[in-house]
C-alpha cells in the first residue's frame, strides 16, 4: 500500500513538502528521488525514524538503503560516530558485527532500540559492553539509569555481564 501511495504522491514529481509526509513512505523512495527536496543526510535521518520492519530484514531494498546511507554519511570503513549513528537511527539494527565492534560504544543507544539481533551482532554488543570502554562505563558501575538507557540490550547480556551489575 505504501509503495502504491508513493507512486501516487510522486506522480507529478517529488513534492516540496515531502518531510511532512509519514516517514514510512520514504522507505519506498530512493535518496536520488529525495535529493531535489533536501539533503541525503536529512533523508536518512527521516528513514532512521521510519518503521524499517515494513521491509524484510534481509531484503535487497533494506540492504540497499543501508549501503546508500553509509555512502551518504561518508563512512569509509566500519567505524560509525555517535552523530552518524543518530542519523542512521534504526538502520544501525542492520549493521554487521564488525561495525558494532569498530564503533565501540557509539552505537549502543541506537542498538538498544532494535527489536532483534543476529548472533554476530549479539557477540559484538557483549564484547563492547564487557570492555567497559563506553560512555556507560563497566557494568560494575552501572545504575538504574544506565539500565534504563540500555533497556533493549538487556536480553543480549550474558550471565557474566549481568553478574557484575550492582543490585
Protein backbone atom coordinates (compact mmCIF):
# COMPACT_ATOMS: atom_id res chain seq x y z
CA UNK A 1 0.00 0.00 0.00
CA UNK A 2 2.82 2.40 0.85
CA UNK A 3 4.53 1.56 -2.42
CA UNK A 4 1.33 2.50 -4.29
CA UNK A 5 0.94 5.64 -2.22
CA UNK A 6 4.49 6.74 -3.09
CA UNK A 7 3.69 6.32 -6.78
CA UNK A 8 0.59 8.49 -6.42
CA UNK A 9 2.34 11.16 -4.32
CA UNK A 10 5.24 11.38 -6.75
CA UNK A 11 3.14 11.14 -9.94
CA UNK A 12 3.86 14.78 -10.79
CA UNK A 13 7.33 14.89 -9.28
CA UNK A 14 8.60 14.91 -5.74
CA UNK A 15 6.50 17.23 -3.56
CA UNK A 16 8.43 20.06 -1.91
CA UNK A 17 6.82 19.30 1.45
CA UNK A 18 7.95 15.66 1.44
CA UNK A 19 9.26 15.98 5.02
CA UNK A 20 5.69 16.46 6.22
CA UNK A 21 4.64 13.04 4.87
CA UNK A 22 4.80 9.91 7.06
CA UNK A 23 8.40 8.68 7.45
CA UNK A 24 7.39 5.14 6.44
CA UNK A 25 6.56 6.47 2.98
CA UNK A 26 10.21 7.39 2.43
CA UNK A 27 11.24 3.73 2.64
CA UNK A 28 9.89 3.35 -0.87
CA UNK A 29 11.75 6.33 -2.37
CA UNK A 30 15.37 6.41 -3.34
CA UNK A 31 17.73 9.08 -1.99
CA UNK A 32 18.20 10.38 -5.52
CA UNK A 33 14.42 10.99 -5.74
CA UNK A 34 14.60 12.93 -2.48
CA UNK A 35 17.71 14.92 -3.47
CA UNK A 36 15.60 17.61 -5.15
CA UNK A 37 13.90 18.50 -1.86
CA UNK A 38 16.67 18.07 0.71
CA UNK A 39 19.99 16.53 1.61
CA UNK A 40 20.67 12.81 1.67
CA UNK A 41 21.62 13.23 5.35
CA UNK A 42 18.11 14.58 6.08
CA UNK A 43 16.59 11.77 4.02
CA UNK A 44 18.37 9.10 6.08
CA UNK A 45 17.57 10.88 9.35
CA UNK A 46 13.91 10.54 8.33
CA UNK A 47 14.41 6.92 7.22
CA UNK A 48 16.02 6.20 10.61
CA UNK A 49 12.74 7.19 12.26
CA UNK A 50 10.62 5.03 9.95
CA UNK A 51 9.37 1.53 10.73
CA UNK A 52 12.06 -0.47 8.94
CA UNK A 53 10.18 -3.67 9.67
CA UNK A 54 7.91 -2.77 6.76
CA UNK A 55 10.81 -4.13 4.69
CA UNK A 56 12.07 -7.66 5.40
CA UNK A 57 15.37 -7.63 7.30
CA UNK A 58 17.41 -9.36 4.60
CA UNK A 59 15.59 -7.76 1.64
CA UNK A 60 17.66 -6.20 -1.10
CA UNK A 61 15.73 -2.93 -0.66
CA UNK A 62 16.67 -2.69 3.03
CA UNK A 63 20.30 -3.65 2.36
CA UNK A 64 20.45 -1.01 -0.38
CA UNK A 65 19.11 1.66 1.99
CA UNK A 66 21.90 0.86 4.47
CA UNK A 67 24.59 0.94 1.75
CA UNK A 68 23.30 4.28 0.45
CA UNK A 69 23.13 5.69 3.98
CA UNK A 70 26.76 4.70 4.67
CA UNK A 71 27.80 6.30 1.36
CA UNK A 72 25.79 9.48 2.06
CA UNK A 73 27.34 9.84 5.52
CA UNK A 74 30.78 9.17 4.02
CA UNK A 75 31.54 6.33 6.44
CA UNK A 76 34.60 4.85 4.74
CA UNK A 77 35.32 1.87 6.97
CA UNK A 78 33.41 0.20 9.75
CA UNK A 79 33.70 2.92 12.40
CA UNK A 80 30.49 4.91 12.94
CA UNK A 81 30.43 8.05 15.08
CA UNK A 82 27.68 8.67 17.63
CA UNK A 83 26.42 11.57 15.48
CA UNK A 84 26.18 9.35 12.39
CA UNK A 85 24.51 6.63 14.47
CA UNK A 86 21.81 9.14 15.40
CA UNK A 87 21.23 9.93 11.71
CA UNK A 88 21.09 6.21 10.87
CA UNK A 89 18.53 5.65 13.61
CA UNK A 90 17.01 2.20 13.20
CA UNK A 91 19.29 1.43 10.27
CA UNK A 92 22.00 0.64 12.87
CA UNK A 93 20.00 -2.53 13.58
CA UNK A 94 21.23 -3.84 10.22
CA UNK A 95 24.94 -3.09 10.75
CA UNK A 96 27.19 -6.14 10.83
CA UNK A 97 29.02 -7.15 13.99
CA UNK A 98 32.28 -5.65 12.70
CA UNK A 99 30.65 -2.18 12.64
CA UNK A 100 29.48 -2.63 16.22
CA UNK A 101 32.94 -3.73 17.36
CA UNK A 102 34.79 -0.97 15.46
CA UNK A 103 32.44 1.74 16.68
CA UNK A 104 32.85 0.93 20.36
CA UNK A 105 30.01 2.32 22.43
CA UNK A 106 28.91 4.81 19.74
CA UNK A 107 26.06 2.56 18.59
CA UNK A 108 24.74 1.27 21.91
CA UNK A 109 21.96 3.86 22.39
CA UNK A 110 20.63 3.27 18.88
CA UNK A 111 21.08 -0.50 19.10
CA UNK A 112 19.01 -0.55 22.28
CA UNK A 113 16.00 0.40 20.11
CA UNK A 114 16.33 -2.68 17.88
CA UNK A 115 13.80 -5.50 18.15
CA UNK A 116 16.21 -8.35 17.45
CA UNK A 117 19.84 -9.14 16.67
CA UNK A 118 21.80 -11.63 14.65
CA UNK A 119 24.20 -13.82 16.66
CA UNK A 120 27.27 -11.90 15.38
CA UNK A 121 25.67 -8.62 16.48
CA UNK A 122 24.91 -10.00 19.93
CA UNK A 123 28.50 -11.17 20.31
CA UNK A 124 29.83 -7.74 19.29
CA UNK A 125 27.48 -5.97 21.73
CA UNK A 126 28.58 -8.23 24.61
CA UNK A 127 32.22 -7.63 23.72
CA UNK A 128 31.80 -3.83 23.72
CA UNK A 129 29.86 -3.82 26.99
CA UNK A 130 32.29 -6.21 28.69
CA UNK A 131 35.23 -3.99 27.75
CA UNK A 132 33.78 -1.16 29.83
CA UNK A 133 35.14 1.32 27.26
CA UNK A 134 31.82 3.04 26.66
CA UNK A 135 30.21 6.19 27.99
CA UNK A 136 28.28 3.87 30.31
CA UNK A 137 31.48 2.51 31.86
CA UNK A 138 31.92 -1.06 33.10
CA UNK A 139 28.79 -2.98 34.16
CA UNK A 140 30.01 -2.89 37.80
CA UNK A 141 29.48 0.91 37.76
CA UNK A 142 26.00 0.89 36.20
CA UNK A 143 22.97 2.44 37.87
CA UNK A 144 19.24 2.07 37.30
CA UNK A 145 19.53 5.00 34.86
CA UNK A 146 22.13 3.08 32.80
CA UNK A 147 19.92 0.01 32.67
CA UNK A 148 17.03 2.19 31.55
CA UNK A 149 19.18 3.68 28.74
CA UNK A 150 20.28 0.21 27.59
CA UNK A 151 16.91 -1.45 28.19
CA UNK A 152 16.68 -3.02 24.72
CA UNK A 153 20.12 -4.61 25.09
CA UNK A 154 19.41 -6.42 28.38
CA UNK A 155 18.26 -9.64 26.63
CA UNK A 156 21.65 -9.76 24.85
CA UNK A 157 23.69 -9.59 28.07
CA UNK A 158 25.04 -12.90 29.28
CA UNK A 159 25.39 -14.16 32.86
CA UNK A 160 28.97 -12.88 33.25
CA UNK A 161 27.85 -9.31 32.47
CA UNK A 162 24.61 -9.43 34.47
CA UNK A 163 26.50 -10.72 37.49
CA UNK A 164 28.68 -7.56 37.55
CA UNK A 165 25.78 -5.11 37.67
CA UNK A 166 25.17 -3.79 41.19
CA UNK A 167 21.85 -4.77 42.74
